[in-house]
Amino acid sequence: MGRGIRDFVASIRSNDIVLFFFAGHNLQLDDQDFITACDEERIAEVSSNYVPMNAQELLEQMSARNPFVIVLLLDCSRDHWFLNQAKVRSLIDSSKSMVDMKPLSAYMMAFTSAPDTVILDETIHERNGVFTYHLLQHITKPGKNIRQLIVDVTNAVARDTKKVQIPYVTSALQGRSVYLVSPERHESNSNAWLTSMAELSIDSTIVG
């Protein structure tokens, strides 16, 4: 997982619109969010050096590439308990919190649920969880500003789960209007470049 993400970050060019989707597990320790693949237990068993990735540091690495905007969509279960939690905790002292980070590019980061809450980890919409399901319903809509897109997804998730699960968003878009699909593009055509998102996996990443 780590190598694939590093390669993705290295591919970012100045003024790119970066869209990064990740589905897996999330561990929150001391205001730090760490993400890892769904098969983290198996990976940890064969690699004593394996540790999850710090989401805040990932955002900073992307920002260092000077993109126009970064959109991180993290569909991660927060109730997962890592085998190597002690190793993760040992990294926290050297990790940056969101408030300690250097000035970022414009960004939006959306988690599938708020801090200190548990998400519905079971699949209720075919193969995807509730956050990803509703994300796919809205992400191909032409002319939908990213702010409105995330608001619509958040409302749909809250409605679908009877407010048990409410996505959490942090952003600093710096007044920029961001559209993942142009207002001029017909919806049937816009679906083509996002078809891969219907096959979401832990390696799903798109640079737009």
Protein backbone atom coordinates (compact mmCIF):
# COMPACT_ATOMS: atom_id res chain seq x y z
CA MET A 1 0.00 0.00 0.00
CA GLY A 2 2.70 2.47 0.98
CA ARG A 3 4.61 2.16 -2.28
CA GLY A 4 1.49 2.67 -4.37
CA ILE A 5 0.59 5.83 -2.48
CA ARG A 6 4.15 7.17 -2.73
CA ASP A 7 4.07 6.62 -6.49
CA PHE A 8 0.73 8.42 -6.65
CA VAL A 9 2.06 11.42 -4.72
CA ALA A 10 5.12 11.55 -6.96
CA SER A 11 2.86 11.71 -10.03
CA ILE A 12 1.16 14.93 -8.88
CA ARG A 13 2.10 17.98 -10.95
CA SER A 14 1.79 21.68 -10.22
CA ASN A 15 -1.80 22.96 -10.53
CA ASP A 16 -3.30 19.46 -10.74
CA ILE A 17 -6.71 18.80 -9.26
CA VAL A 18 -5.98 15.81 -7.03
CA LEU A 19 -8.75 13.38 -6.11
CA PHE A 20 -7.69 10.61 -3.72
CA PHE A 21 -10.11 7.91 -2.55
CA PHE A 22 -9.21 5.31 0.05
CA ALA A 23 -11.33 2.52 1.57
CA GLY A 24 -9.94 0.59 4.50
CA HIS A 25 -9.50 1.07 8.23
CA ASN A 26 -8.68 4.08 10.37
CA LEU A 27 -7.09 4.40 13.80
CA GLN A 28 -7.38 7.67 15.69
CA LEU A 29 -4.72 8.29 18.34
CA ASP A 30 -4.01 11.63 20.02
CA ASP A 31 -5.70 13.68 17.27
CA GLN A 32 -3.82 11.81 14.56
CA ASP A 33 -5.59 9.73 11.91
CA PHE A 34 -3.83 6.64 10.56
CA ILE A 35 -5.21 4.71 7.58
CA THR A 36 -4.45 1.16 6.58
CA ALA A 37 -5.60 -1.58 4.24
CA CYS A 38 -8.42 -3.95 5.16
CA ASP A 39 -5.95 -6.84 5.45
CA GLU A 40 -3.66 -4.98 7.88
CA GLU A 41 -3.51 -7.94 10.26
CA ARG A 42 -2.04 -10.21 7.58
CA ILE A 43 0.46 -7.55 6.48
CA ALA A 44 1.56 -6.90 10.06
CA GLU A 45 2.15 -10.61 10.62
CA VAL A 46 4.68 -10.82 7.79
CA SER A 47 6.29 -7.40 8.29
CA SER A 48 7.36 -6.37 11.75
CA ASN A 49 8.13 -2.87 10.42
CA TYR A 50 4.65 -2.27 9.02
CA VAL A 51 2.78 0.78 10.34
CA PRO A 52 -0.36 2.52 9.03
CA MET A 53 -0.07 5.77 7.08
CA ASN A 54 -0.65 9.13 8.76
CA ALA A 55 -3.46 10.87 6.85
CA GLN A 56 -2.33 14.35 7.87
CA GLU A 57 1.23 13.71 6.67
CA LEU A 58 -0.15 12.30 3.42
CA LEU A 59 -2.02 15.57 2.90
CA GLU A 60 1.14 17.54 3.53
CA GLN A 61 3.15 15.41 1.07
CA MET A 62 0.54 16.05 -1.61
CA SER A 63 0.54 19.76 -0.81
CA ALA A 64 4.30 19.89 -1.32
CA ARG A 65 3.68 19.03 -4.99
CA ASN A 66 1.84 22.38 -5.37
CA PRO A 67 -1.47 21.16 -6.80
CA PHE A 68 -4.41 23.49 -7.44
CA VAL A 69 -6.56 21.62 -4.92
CA ILE A 70 -6.56 18.30 -3.04
CA VAL A 71 -9.71 16.29 -2.33
CA LEU A 72 -9.25 13.31 0.01
CA LEU A 73 -12.23 10.98 0.45
CA LEU A 74 -11.59 8.41 3.18
CA ASP A 75 -14.13 5.63 3.64
CA CYS A 76 -12.49 4.10 6.69
CA SER A 77 -13.91 2.18 9.62
CA ARG A 78 -12.86 3.89 12.87
CA ASP A 79 -13.62 0.94 15.15
CA HIS A 80 -10.73 -1.21 13.93
CA TRP A 81 -8.07 -2.15 16.50
CA PHE A 82 -4.59 -2.53 15.04
CA LEU A 83 -2.25 -5.32 16.08
CA ASN A 84 0.67 -2.89 16.08
CA GLN A 85 -1.02 -0.02 17.91
CA ALA A 86 2.05 0.47 20.12
CA LYS A 87 4.16 1.09 17.02
CA VAL A 88 1.68 3.64 15.76
CA ARG A 89 1.68 5.45 19.09
CA SER A 90 5.49 5.61 19.01
CA LEU A 91 5.24 7.64 15.79
CA ILE A 92 2.90 10.27 17.15
CA ASP A 93 5.57 12.40 18.82
CA SER A 94 7.29 12.88 15.47
CA SER A 95 4.07 13.37 13.51
CA LYS A 96 2.40 16.70 12.79
CA SER A 97 -1.14 17.45 13.89
CA MET A 98 -3.41 19.38 11.55
CA VAL A 99 -2.78 22.59 13.49
CA ASP A 100 1.01 22.10 13.33
CA MET A 101 1.18 21.51 9.60
CA LYS A 102 2.84 23.89 7.18
CA PRO A 103 0.54 26.01 5.00
CA LEU A 104 -1.28 23.67 2.64
CA SER A 105 -2.61 23.86 -0.85
CA ALA A 106 -6.37 24.32 -0.98
CA TYR A 107 -7.86 21.06 0.24
CA MET A 108 -10.92 19.19 1.41
CA MET A 109 -10.70 16.02 3.51
CA ALA A 110 -13.85 13.98 4.13
CA PHE A 111 -14.03 11.06 6.56
CA THR A 112 -16.90 8.61 6.53
CA SER A 113 -17.75 9.53 10.14
CA ALA A 114 -16.91 12.07 12.82
CA PRO A 115 -14.02 11.56 15.29
CA ASP A 116 -14.74 9.20 18.20
CA THR A 117 -17.70 7.63 16.45
CA VAL A 118 -18.21 4.16 15.01
CA ILE A 119 -19.41 3.68 11.44
CA LEU A 120 -21.67 1.01 10.05
CA ASP A 121 -19.01 -1.36 8.76
CA GLU A 122 -21.42 -3.77 7.10
CA THR A 123 -22.33 -3.37 3.44
CA ILE A 124 -25.96 -2.35 2.95
CA HIS A 125 -25.76 -1.25 -0.69
CA GLU A 126 -24.42 -4.18 -2.73
CA ARG A 127 -20.62 -4.29 -2.34
CA ASN A 128 -20.04 -0.73 -1.07
CA GLY A 129 -20.55 0.86 2.33
CA VAL A 130 -23.09 3.62 2.80
CA PHE A 131 -20.58 6.49 2.35
CA THR A 132 -19.13 5.12 -0.88
CA TYR A 133 -22.58 4.24 -2.20
CA HIS A 134 -23.85 7.79 -1.87
CA LEU A 135 -20.55 9.24 -3.08
CA LEU A 136 -21.00 7.31 -6.33
CA GLN A 137 -24.53 8.67 -6.69
CA HIS A 138 -23.30 12.27 -6.67
CA ILE A 139 -19.71 12.37 -7.90
CA THR A 140 -20.59 12.18 -11.61
CA LYS A 141 -23.15 14.99 -11.52
CA PRO A 142 -22.06 17.74 -13.96
CA GLY A 143 -21.62 21.21 -12.55
CA LYS A 144 -21.80 20.22 -8.89
CA ASN A 145 -19.38 22.20 -6.73
CA ILE A 146 -17.30 19.96 -4.44
CA ARG A 147 -18.75 21.67 -1.37
CA GLN A 148 -22.32 20.94 -2.45
CA LEU A 149 -21.35 17.42 -3.51
CA ILE A 150 -20.02 16.59 -0.03
CA VAL A 151 -23.02 18.26 1.65
CA ASP A 152 -25.36 16.11 -0.44
CA VAL A 153 -23.40 12.95 0.39
CA THR A 154 -23.35 13.84 4.09
CA ASN A 155 -27.10 14.42 4.16
CA ALA A 156 -27.77 11.17 2.30
CA VAL A 157 -25.57 9.14 4.67
CA ALA A 158 -27.21 10.71 7.72
CA ARG A 159 -30.67 10.01 6.31
CA ASP A 160 -29.81 6.43 5.31
CA THR A 161 -28.36 5.59 8.74
CA LYS A 162 -30.93 7.58 10.75
CA LYS A 163 -28.09 9.89 11.86
CA VAL A 164 -26.09 7.05 13.39
CA GLN A 165 -23.31 7.87 10.93
CA ILE A 166 -22.54 11.42 9.79
CA PRO A 167 -19.48 12.12 7.60
CA TYR A 168 -16.88 14.55 8.95
CA VAL A 169 -15.31 17.19 6.71
CA THR A 170 -12.37 19.54 7.19
CA SER A 171 -11.38 21.94 4.44
CA ALA A 172 -9.53 25.08 3.43
CA LEU A 173 -10.51 25.67 -0.18
CA GLN A 174 -9.25 29.25 -0.06
CA GLY A 175 -12.28 30.56 -1.92
CA ARG A 176 -11.76 28.24 -4.88
CA SER A 177 -14.67 26.73 -6.78
CA VAL A 178 -13.92 23.11 -7.59
CA TYR A 179 -15.92 20.95 -10.00
CA LEU A 180 -14.97 17.33 -10.58
CA VAL A 181 -17.20 17.28 -13.67
CA SER A 182 -17.58 20.36 -15.86
CA PRO A 183 -21.03 21.98 -16.01
CA GLU A 184 -20.83 21.67 -19.81
CA ARG A 185 -20.26 17.92 -19.79
CA HIS A 186 -23.26 15.67 -20.36
CA GLU A 187 -23.86 13.31 -17.46
CA SER A 188 -23.63 10.16 -19.58
CA ASN A 189 -20.19 11.25 -20.78
CA SER A 190 -19.05 12.22 -17.31
CA ASN A 191 -19.71 8.69 -16.11
CA ALA A 192 -17.07 7.32 -18.46
CA TRP A 193 -13.99 8.77 -16.74
CA LEU A 194 -15.31 7.75 -13.32
CA THR A 195 -16.37 4.23 -14.25
CA SER A 196 -13.42 2.83 -12.32
CA MET A 197 -14.90 4.17 -9.08
CA ALA A 198 -17.66 1.59 -9.37
CA GLU A 199 -14.91 -0.99 -8.92
CA LEU A 200 -13.56 0.64 -5.77
CA SER A 201 -10.69 -1.08 -4.01
CA ILE A 202 -7.99 -0.10 -1.54
CA ASP A 203 -5.80 1.04 -4.44
CA SER A 204 -8.38 3.34 -6.06
CA THR A 205 -6.82 6.71 -6.88
CA ILE A 206 -7.56 9.31 -9.53
CA VAL A 207 -5.66 12.40 -10.57
CA GLY A 208 -7.86 14.80 -12.47
